[in-house]
Structure formats: structure tokens, C-alpha cells
Amino acid sequence: MPKSKRDKKISLTKTGKKGLALKQKIIEDVRNCVSRFKDIYVFSHENMRNIRMKEVREEWKPSRFFFGKNRVIGVGLGRNKEEEQEEDLHKVTNCLKGQKALLFTDCTKEEVVDWFNSFSFEEFARSGFKATKTVVLEEGPLKQFSHDIEPHLRKLGMPTKLDRGVVTLTKDYEICKEGSILTPEQARILKLLEIHMAVFKLKLRAHWSKESGFEKMNSEESDEEENILDENMEECEDDE
């Protein structure tokens, strides 16, 4: 009887005991999902937010998401033809570069594509994000702020003072200029003003099916455009 590929032992070097146990668990979880679900989707994520992603996970149950630790996930799928758990799975591994993640599901392709195309949330920009517009505040009262936040605004660099208990700008103040890279202080000010400059989006990149094999998706997008999407993204750990 041929030996199962799932029984193959793979060495994970330079890893502490706790890290090794976590990596081994991820590998086993990935292999279990390969057996359990019929379809795998690779997608990129832009302006990731953990709170939003928790909502997505709940919405997609019993489907399974894997974020981060792409090299470890790749071990679970198979890094090459000899290691892969199913035919052409190593091609999925090859897609896991940069800010990419996996969805294991039994939903139809039409359902998955429609959901991903419609999914987006406006979010607050973080430091390092490129400003999408110029924001200037005019001299005068800022009645949206309570008096106790005025010292914090000054620490963030805003020229403010209290005038009869009202937070007031002593002169016009440019928070950011379109195309400039936001500093931590600018990002905090924009959030206090409830100005959104980012969008949390997920974009399908590839699909693997037990029935039809591997295919790339959204291949019309150039590598340069994809690199731009990868900017300002942060990895999210997979929930255990």
C-alpha cells in the first residue's frame, strides 16, 4: 500500500519549542482543510482590520481562512510537486507571496466571486498610508471636540487653545496634502475628525478546485498594480 503524503515528515529548523508547535499545528490544519473542502481561493488584502475580519469569518462559517505565515502554510499545501497534498496544489503555494491569504470553502465559485466583488469597508488611514486628498482646517472654533482633548491636539501638532472652554485653532492648519505619506500624528488627527482615507478590500488572485485544478484570477492586473495594492497592508494572524 503506498504511503500517504500526509504522513510525510518535514523538518522545521531554527524554531523554538512554542514556535515549532504552532507551525506544526498550522501545517496540520491546512492539510485537514485540503481534505475537508473542495475549493481553495488565494486573495490579497488591502487595509486589513482584525475587527472586520472577525465578522467575515463568522459570516463564512464553516469555511476557513488562513492569514500570515505563508511559508508554513505552503508546507501544508506542498512546496513542490513531490510534496503537494493534491495535484497542482504547489501552484497555490507559489501564489502565497506578500500580503496574500487563503479561503477554504465548499461554496460555489459564483457565490465566492460575487461576495468578493461586493465586499469593501471605508476605514481610517494608518501611518505610512498615502493621503488621498488634502485636508485643511480653517482658523476658528472646533466645536466637535470637548475641552479636555485640547492638550492632546496640541501634542499632535495642531495650533490650538481653549477660548472660553471651546477648542479653537489659532490659525489655518493643513493636516495633510494629497499624495503625501501620513505620519502617526496625522493619522490620529484624521481619525479624531472621522475622515476616512482607506478602504478594506479583498481581491481574488487564484482558485484551486479538486474538480478543475488551478487557475489564476484577475490576471489582467499588472505586477506593478499588484505591488501598489500590497502597500499599506498588514498581516493578520489566523485564529486558532
C-alpha atoms as a PDB file:
ATOM      1  CA  MET A   1       0.000   0.000   0.000  1.00  0.00           C
ATOM      2  CA  PRO A   2       1.549   3.396  -0.974  1.00  0.00           C
ATOM      3  CA  LYS A   3       2.497   5.722   1.858  1.00  0.00           C
ATOM      4  CA  SER A   4       0.218   8.740   2.282  1.00  0.00           C
ATOM      5  CA  LYS A   5       1.712  12.153   1.540  1.00  0.00           C
ATOM      6  CA  ARG A   6       0.034  13.385   4.729  1.00  0.00           C
ATOM      7  CA  ASP A   7       2.407  11.211   6.750  1.00  0.00           C
ATOM      8  CA  LYS A   8       5.483  12.875   5.279  1.00  0.00           C
ATOM      9  CA  LYS A   9       7.718  14.435   7.968  1.00  0.00           C
ATOM     10  CA  ILE A  10       9.115  17.872   7.136  1.00  0.00           C
ATOM     11  CA  SER A  11      11.866  19.465   9.235  1.00  0.00           C
ATOM     12  CA  LEU A  12      11.211  22.973  10.560  1.00  0.00           C
ATOM     13  CA  THR A  13      14.657  24.198  11.592  1.00  0.00           C
ATOM     14  CA  LYS A  14      15.669  27.180  13.752  1.00  0.00           C
ATOM     15  CA  THR A  15      12.382  27.162  15.618  1.00  0.00           C
ATOM     16  CA  GLY A  16      11.763  27.261  19.385  1.00  0.00           C
ATOM     17  CA  LYS A  17       9.515  24.717  21.083  1.00  0.00           C
ATOM     18  CA  LYS A  18       6.479  27.011  21.211  1.00  0.00           C
ATOM     19  CA  GLY A  19       7.025  28.274  17.661  1.00  0.00           C
ATOM     20  CA  LEU A  20       7.538  24.739  16.394  1.00  0.00           C
ATOM     21  CA  ALA A  21       4.288  23.550  17.958  1.00  0.00           C
ATOM     22  CA  LEU A  22       2.387  26.458  16.372  1.00  0.00           C
ATOM     23  CA  LYS A  23       3.893  25.796  12.942  1.00  0.00           C
ATOM     24  CA  GLN A  24       3.109  22.092  13.171  1.00  0.00           C
ATOM     25  CA  LYS A  25      -0.488  22.895  14.123  1.00  0.00           C
ATOM     26  CA  ILE A  26      -0.882  25.283  11.162  1.00  0.00           C
ATOM     27  CA  ILE A  27       0.523  22.656   8.784  1.00  0.00           C
ATOM     28  CA  GLU A  28      -1.864  20.010  10.124  1.00  0.00           C
ATOM     29  CA  ASP A  29      -4.828  22.430   9.985  1.00  0.00           C
ATOM     30  CA  VAL A  30      -4.041  23.265   6.361  1.00  0.00           C
ATOM     31  CA  ARG A  31      -3.815  19.579   5.434  1.00  0.00           C
ATOM     32  CA  ASN A  32      -7.101  18.858   7.180  1.00  0.00           C
ATOM     33  CA  CYS A  33      -8.730  21.689   5.233  1.00  0.00           C
ATOM     34  CA  VAL A  34      -7.361  20.319   1.953  1.00  0.00           C
ATOM     35  CA  SER A  35      -9.122  17.035   2.745  1.00  0.00           C
ATOM     36  CA  ARG A  36     -12.288  18.677   4.041  1.00  0.00           C
ATOM     37  CA  PHE A  37     -13.033  21.408   1.461  1.00  0.00           C
ATOM     38  CA  LYS A  38     -13.289  21.138  -2.308  1.00  0.00           C
ATOM     39  CA  ASP A  39     -12.122  24.648  -3.260  1.00  0.00           C
ATOM     40  CA  ILE A  40      -9.258  26.963  -2.258  1.00  0.00           C
ATOM     41  CA  TYR A  41      -9.038  30.669  -3.140  1.00  0.00           C
ATOM     42  CA  VAL A  42      -5.950  32.877  -2.899  1.00  0.00           C
ATOM     43  CA  PHE A  43      -6.729  36.547  -2.277  1.00  0.00           C
ATOM     44  CA  SER A  44      -4.858  39.749  -1.489  1.00  0.00           C
ATOM     45  CA  HIS A  45      -5.979  42.019   1.344  1.00  0.00           C
ATOM     46  CA  GLU A  46      -5.765  45.796   1.477  1.00  0.00           C
ATOM     47  CA  ASN A  47      -6.002  47.851   4.690  1.00  0.00           C
ATOM     48  CA  MET A  48      -6.706  44.803   6.817  1.00  0.00           C
ATOM     49  CA  ARG A  49      -8.662  45.308  10.043  1.00  0.00           C
ATOM     50  CA  ASN A  50      -8.925  42.477  12.566  1.00  0.00           C
ATOM     51  CA  ILE A  51     -12.393  43.502  13.773  1.00  0.00           C
ATOM     52  CA  ARG A  52     -13.793  43.424  10.228  1.00  0.00           C
ATOM     53  CA  MET A  53     -12.064  40.131   9.531  1.00  0.00           C
ATOM     54  CA  LYS A  54     -13.651  38.528  12.591  1.00  0.00           C
ATOM     55  CA  GLU A  55     -17.035  39.497  11.168  1.00  0.00           C
ATOM     56  CA  VAL A  56     -16.068  37.976   7.812  1.00  0.00           C
ATOM     57  CA  ARG A  57     -15.005  34.721   9.479  1.00  0.00           C
ATOM     58  CA  GLU A  58     -18.357  34.483  11.231  1.00  0.00           C
ATOM     59  CA  GLU A  59     -20.225  35.186   8.004  1.00  0.00           C
ATOM     60  CA  TRP A  60     -18.310  32.491   6.106  1.00  0.00           C
ATOM     61  CA  LYS A  61     -18.556  29.648   8.617  1.00  0.00           C
ATOM     62  CA  PRO A  62     -17.932  26.734   8.176  1.00  0.00           C
ATOM     63  CA  SER A  63     -15.443  27.903   5.512  1.00  0.00           C
ATOM     64  CA  ARG A  64     -11.901  28.550   6.786  1.00  0.00           C
ATOM     65  CA  PHE A  65      -9.465  31.459   6.354  1.00  0.00           C
ATOM     66  CA  PHE A  66      -5.681  31.371   6.780  1.00  0.00           C
ATOM     67  CA  PHE A  67      -3.662  34.607   7.119  1.00  0.00           C
ATOM     68  CA  GLY A  68       0.064  35.186   7.502  1.00  0.00           C
ATOM     69  CA  LYS A  69       2.848  32.595   7.895  1.00  0.00           C
ATOM     70  CA  ASN A  70       2.729  31.937   4.149  1.00  0.00           C
ATOM     71  CA  ARG A  71       5.839  29.740   4.162  1.00  0.00           C
ATOM     72  CA  VAL A  72       4.350  27.498   6.829  1.00  0.00           C
ATOM     73  CA  ILE A  73       1.005  27.344   5.024  1.00  0.00           C
ATOM     74  CA  GLY A  74       2.964  26.448   1.881  1.00  0.00           C
ATOM     75  CA  VAL A  75       4.475  23.459   3.681  1.00  0.00           C
ATOM     76  CA  GLY A  76       0.962  22.266   4.491  1.00  0.00           C
ATOM     77  CA  LEU A  77      -0.114  22.568   0.861  1.00  0.00           C
ATOM     78  CA  GLY A  78       3.170  21.332  -0.603  1.00  0.00           C
ATOM     79  CA  ARG A  79       6.060  23.472  -1.802  1.00  0.00           C
ATOM     80  CA  ASN A  80       6.588  21.462  -4.973  1.00  0.00           C
ATOM     81  CA  LYS A  81       5.066  18.632  -6.967  1.00  0.00           C
ATOM     82  CA  GLU A  82       6.689  15.978  -4.778  1.00  0.00           C
ATOM     83  CA  GLU A  83       5.300  17.444  -1.518  1.00  0.00           C
ATOM     84  CA  GLU A  84       1.841  18.636  -2.638  1.00  0.00           C
ATOM     85  CA  GLN A  85      -1.185  17.066  -0.940  1.00  0.00           C
ATOM     86  CA  GLU A  86      -3.275  17.149  -4.133  1.00  0.00           C
ATOM     87  CA  GLU A  87      -2.381  17.687  -7.780  1.00  0.00           C
ATOM     88  CA  ASP A  88      -1.323  21.261  -8.636  1.00  0.00           C
ATOM     89  CA  LEU A  89      -1.534  22.487  -5.018  1.00  0.00           C
ATOM     90  CA  HIS A  90       2.080  23.662  -5.235  1.00  0.00           C
ATOM     91  CA  LYS A  91       0.828  26.294  -7.692  1.00  0.00           C
ATOM     92  CA  VAL A  92      -1.319  27.718  -4.873  1.00  0.00           C
ATOM     93  CA  THR A  93       1.798  27.828  -2.682  1.00  0.00           C
ATOM     94  CA  ASN A  94       3.613  29.795  -5.400  1.00  0.00           C
ATOM     95  CA  CYS A  95       0.891  32.466  -5.182  1.00  0.00           C
ATOM     96  CA  LEU A  96       1.420  32.998  -1.456  1.00  0.00           C
ATOM     97  CA  LYS A  97       3.822  35.936  -1.704  1.00  0.00           C
ATOM     98  CA  GLY A  98       3.373  39.263   0.037  1.00  0.00           C
ATOM     99  CA  GLN A  99       0.010  40.128   1.541  1.00  0.00           C
ATOM    100  CA  LYS A 100      -1.910  37.054   0.464  1.00  0.00           C
ATOM    101  CA  ALA A 101      -4.247  34.680   2.297  1.00  0.00           C
ATOM    102  CA  LEU A 102      -6.360  31.579   1.689  1.00  0.00           C
ATOM    103  CA  LEU A 103     -10.044  30.732   1.816  1.00  0.00           C
ATOM    104  CA  PHE A 104     -11.062  27.061   2.010  1.00  0.00           C
ATOM    105  CA  THR A 105     -14.728  26.622   1.134  1.00  0.00           C
ATOM    106  CA  ASP A 106     -17.421  24.426  -0.385  1.00  0.00           C
ATOM    107  CA  CYS A 107     -19.407  27.434  -1.694  1.00  0.00           C
ATOM    108  CA  THR A 108     -19.863  27.736  -5.448  1.00  0.00           C
ATOM    109  CA  LYS A 109     -17.430  29.822  -7.485  1.00  0.00           C
ATOM    110  CA  GLU A 110     -20.245  32.221  -8.396  1.00  0.00           C
ATOM    111  CA  GLU A 111     -21.055  32.817  -4.720  1.00  0.00           C
ATOM    112  CA  VAL A 112     -17.406  33.451  -3.852  1.00  0.00           C
ATOM    113  CA  VAL A 113     -16.727  35.810  -6.776  1.00  0.00           C
ATOM    114  CA  ASP A 114     -19.934  37.821  -6.189  1.00  0.00           C
ATOM    115  CA  TRP A 115     -19.142  38.245  -2.494  1.00  0.00           C
ATOM    116  CA  PHE A 116     -15.530  39.318  -3.024  1.00  0.00           C
ATOM    117  CA  ASN A 117     -16.542  41.797  -5.747  1.00  0.00           C
ATOM    118  CA  SER A 118     -19.088  43.445  -3.454  1.00  0.00           C
ATOM    119  CA  PHE A 119     -17.039  43.457  -0.234  1.00  0.00           C
ATOM    120  CA  SER A 120     -15.430  46.728   0.948  1.00  0.00           C
ATOM    121  CA  PHE A 121     -15.423  48.919   4.049  1.00  0.00           C
ATOM    122  CA  GLU A 122     -14.240  52.503   4.473  1.00  0.00           C
ATOM    123  CA  GLU A 123     -11.563  52.684   7.157  1.00  0.00           C
ATOM    124  CA  PHE A 124      -9.290  55.206   8.842  1.00  0.00           C
ATOM    125  CA  ALA A 125      -5.846  55.510   7.272  1.00  0.00           C
ATOM    126  CA  ARG A 126      -2.822  54.416   9.288  1.00  0.00           C
ATOM    127  CA  SER A 127       0.619  55.986   9.394  1.00  0.00           C
ATOM    128  CA  GLY A 128       2.582  55.240   6.246  1.00  0.00           C
ATOM    129  CA  PHE A 129      -0.564  55.439   4.110  1.00  0.00           C
ATOM    130  CA  LYS A 130      -0.601  57.811   1.114  1.00  0.00           C
ATOM    131  CA  ALA A 131      -3.125  60.621   1.642  1.00  0.00           C
ATOM    132  CA  THR A 132      -5.941  60.530  -0.920  1.00  0.00           C
ATOM    133  CA  LYS A 133      -6.794  64.233  -0.538  1.00  0.00           C
ATOM    134  CA  THR A 134      -5.606  67.488   1.005  1.00  0.00           C
ATOM    135  CA  VAL A 135      -7.267  68.337   4.325  1.00  0.00           C
ATOM    136  CA  VAL A 136      -7.092  71.885   5.695  1.00  0.00           C
ATOM    137  CA  LEU A 137      -8.831  73.207   8.816  1.00  0.00           C
ATOM    138  CA  GLU A 138      -9.664  76.904   8.963  1.00  0.00           C
ATOM    139  CA  GLU A 139      -8.801  79.127  11.904  1.00  0.00           C
ATOM    140  CA  GLY A 140     -11.566  79.219  14.489  1.00  0.00           C
ATOM    141  CA  PRO A 141     -13.528  77.001  16.899  1.00  0.00           C
ATOM    142  CA  LEU A 142     -13.546  73.195  16.610  1.00  0.00           C
ATOM    143  CA  LYS A 143     -16.867  72.520  18.301  1.00  0.00           C
ATOM    144  CA  GLN A 144     -16.747  68.793  17.570  1.00  0.00           C
ATOM    145  CA  PHE A 145     -14.063  68.411  20.249  1.00  0.00           C
ATOM    146  CA  SER A 146     -14.556  68.581  24.014  1.00  0.00           C
ATOM    147  CA  HIS A 147     -12.316  70.913  26.005  1.00  0.00           C
ATOM    148  CA  ASP A 148     -10.418  68.073  27.706  1.00  0.00           C
ATOM    149  CA  ILE A 149      -8.914  66.843  24.410  1.00  0.00           C
ATOM    150  CA  GLU A 150      -7.231  70.174  23.635  1.00  0.00           C
ATOM    151  CA  PRO A 151      -3.843  69.269  25.232  1.00  0.00           C
ATOM    152  CA  HIS A 152      -3.800  66.054  23.169  1.00  0.00           C
ATOM    153  CA  LEU A 153      -4.438  68.016  19.956  1.00  0.00           C
ATOM    154  CA  ARG A 154      -1.507  70.308  20.745  1.00  0.00           C
ATOM    155  CA  LYS A 155       0.726  67.264  21.291  1.00  0.00           C
ATOM    156  CA  LEU A 156      -0.274  66.049  17.840  1.00  0.00           C
ATOM    157  CA  GLY A 157       0.978  69.340  16.397  1.00  0.00           C
ATOM    158  CA  MET A 158      -2.259  71.292  15.988  1.00  0.00           C
ATOM    159  CA  PRO A 159      -2.100  75.041  16.861  1.00  0.00           C
ATOM    160  CA  THR A 160      -4.989  75.037  19.337  1.00  0.00           C
ATOM    161  CA  LYS A 161      -6.019  76.802  22.513  1.00  0.00           C
ATOM    162  CA  LEU A 162      -9.064  76.965  24.767  1.00  0.00           C
ATOM    163  CA  ASP A 163     -11.196  80.061  24.196  1.00  0.00           C
ATOM    164  CA  ARG A 164     -13.927  80.229  26.847  1.00  0.00           C
ATOM    165  CA  GLY A 165     -13.851  76.458  27.105  1.00  0.00           C
ATOM    166  CA  VAL A 166     -14.019  75.878  23.330  1.00  0.00           C
ATOM    167  CA  VAL A 167     -11.180  74.206  21.431  1.00  0.00           C
ATOM    168  CA  THR A 168     -10.011  76.792  18.896  1.00  0.00           C
ATOM    169  CA  LEU A 169      -7.477  76.794  16.063  1.00  0.00           C
ATOM    170  CA  THR A 170      -5.250  79.874  16.284  1.00  0.00           C
ATOM    171  CA  LYS A 171      -4.516  79.758  12.522  1.00  0.00           C
ATOM    172  CA  ASP A 172      -5.325  77.722   9.417  1.00  0.00           C
ATOM    173  CA  TYR A 173      -3.833  74.245   9.688  1.00  0.00           C
ATOM    174  CA  GLU A 174      -3.063  71.788   6.891  1.00  0.00           C
ATOM    175  CA  ILE A 175      -3.343  68.265   8.242  1.00  0.00           C
ATOM    176  CA  CYS A 176      -2.082  66.535   5.098  1.00  0.00           C
ATOM    177  CA  LYS A 177      -1.513  67.051   1.395  1.00  0.00           C
ATOM    178  CA  GLU A 178      -2.781  64.712  -1.296  1.00  0.00           C
ATOM    179  CA  GLY A 179      -0.130  62.148  -2.203  1.00  0.00           C
ATOM    180  CA  SER A 180       1.957  62.688   0.938  1.00  0.00           C
ATOM    181  CA  ILE A 181       2.776  59.852   3.339  1.00  0.00           C
ATOM    182  CA  LEU A 182       0.858  60.174   6.607  1.00  0.00           C
ATOM    183  CA  THR A 183       2.755  60.443   9.880  1.00  0.00           C
ATOM    184  CA  PRO A 184       1.367  58.779  13.038  1.00  0.00           C
ATOM    185  CA  GLU A 185       0.211  62.209  14.262  1.00  0.00           C
ATOM    186  CA  GLN A 186      -1.613  62.998  11.029  1.00  0.00           C
ATOM    187  CA  ALA A 187      -3.321  59.604  11.031  1.00  0.00           C
ATOM    188  CA  ARG A 188      -4.540  60.179  14.613  1.00  0.00           C
ATOM    189  CA  ILE A 189      -5.893  63.627  13.776  1.00  0.00           C
ATOM    190  CA  LEU A 190      -7.793  62.290  10.741  1.00  0.00           C
ATOM    191  CA  LYS A 191      -9.291  59.560  12.909  1.00  0.00           C
ATOM    192  CA  LEU A 192     -10.373  62.112  15.533  1.00  0.00           C
ATOM    193  CA  LEU A 193     -12.041  64.075  12.741  1.00  0.00           C
ATOM    194  CA  GLU A 194     -13.665  60.852  11.439  1.00  0.00           C
ATOM    195  CA  ILE A 195     -12.137  61.301   7.986  1.00  0.00           C
ATOM    196  CA  HIS A 196     -11.751  58.014   6.097  1.00  0.00           C
ATOM    197  CA  MET A 197      -8.954  57.650   3.555  1.00  0.00           C
ATOM    198  CA  ALA A 198      -8.599  53.870   3.346  1.00  0.00           C
ATOM    199  CA  VAL A 199     -10.772  51.016   2.120  1.00  0.00           C
ATOM    200  CA  PHE A 200     -10.588  47.472   3.487  1.00  0.00           C
ATOM    201  CA  LYS A 201     -10.800  45.257   0.392  1.00  0.00           C
ATOM    202  CA  LEU A 202     -10.166  41.642  -0.546  1.00  0.00           C
ATOM    203  CA  LYS A 203      -9.294  40.694  -4.124  1.00  0.00           C
ATOM    204  CA  LEU A 204      -9.271  37.194  -5.589  1.00  0.00           C
ATOM    205  CA  ARG A 205      -5.965  36.131  -7.158  1.00  0.00           C
ATOM    206  CA  ALA A 206      -6.212  32.390  -7.802  1.00  0.00           C
ATOM    207  CA  HIS A 207      -8.530  29.405  -7.465  1.00  0.00           C
ATOM    208  CA  TRP A 208      -7.887  25.709  -6.985  1.00  0.00           C
ATOM    209  CA  SER A 209     -10.574  23.059  -7.182  1.00  0.00           C
ATOM    210  CA  LYS A 210     -10.480  19.300  -6.691  1.00  0.00           C
ATOM    211  CA  GLU A 211     -12.585  19.023  -9.841  1.00  0.00           C
ATOM    212  CA  SER A 212     -10.970  21.557 -12.195  1.00  0.00           C
ATOM    213  CA  GLY A 213      -7.489  22.179 -10.785  1.00  0.00           C
ATOM    214  CA  PHE A 214      -5.658  25.525 -10.646  1.00  0.00           C
ATOM    215  CA  GLU A 215      -6.443  28.838 -12.353  1.00  0.00           C
ATOM    216  CA  LYS A 216      -5.271  32.434 -11.914  1.00  0.00           C
ATOM    217  CA  MET A 217      -7.871  35.147 -11.380  1.00  0.00           C
ATOM    218  CA  ASN A 218      -7.770  38.895 -12.157  1.00  0.00           C
ATOM    219  CA  SER A 219      -4.734  38.170 -14.302  1.00  0.00           C
ATOM    220  CA  GLU A 220      -5.327  41.366 -16.268  1.00  0.00           C
ATOM    221  CA  GLU A 221      -3.898  43.363 -13.376  1.00  0.00           C
ATOM    222  CA  SER A 222      -0.203  44.108 -13.900  1.00  0.00           C
ATOM    223  CA  ASP A 223       2.500  43.204 -11.381  1.00  0.00           C
ATOM    224  CA  GLU A 224       3.066  46.916 -10.787  1.00  0.00           C
ATOM    225  CA  GLU A 225      -0.579  47.444  -9.851  1.00  0.00           C
ATOM    226  CA  GLU A 226      -0.476  44.430  -7.541  1.00  0.00           C
ATOM    227  CA  ASN A 227       2.630  45.818  -5.807  1.00  0.00           C
ATOM    228  CA  ILE A 228       0.736  49.062  -5.186  1.00  0.00           C
ATOM    229  CA  LEU A 229      -2.093  47.062  -3.624  1.00  0.00           C
ATOM    230  CA  ASP A 230       0.428  45.330  -1.352  1.00  0.00           C
ATOM    231  CA  GLU A 231       1.469  48.679   0.156  1.00  0.00           C
ATOM    232  CA  ASN A 232      -0.162  49.712   3.456  1.00  0.00           C
ATOM    233  CA  MET A 233      -1.315  46.139   4.180  1.00  0.00           C
ATOM    234  CA  GLU A 234      -0.754  44.409   7.484  1.00  0.00           C
ATOM    235  CA  GLU A 235      -0.824  40.707   8.209  1.00  0.00           C
ATOM    236  CA  CYS A 236      -3.482  39.201  10.419  1.00  0.00           C
ATOM    237  CA  GLU A 237      -2.843  36.015  12.395  1.00  0.00           C
ATOM    238  CA  ASP A 238      -5.207  33.112  11.829  1.00  0.00           C
ATOM    239  CA  ASP A 239      -7.494  32.451  14.819  1.00  0.00           C
ATOM    240  CA  GLU A 240      -6.918  29.126  16.500  1.00  0.00           C
END
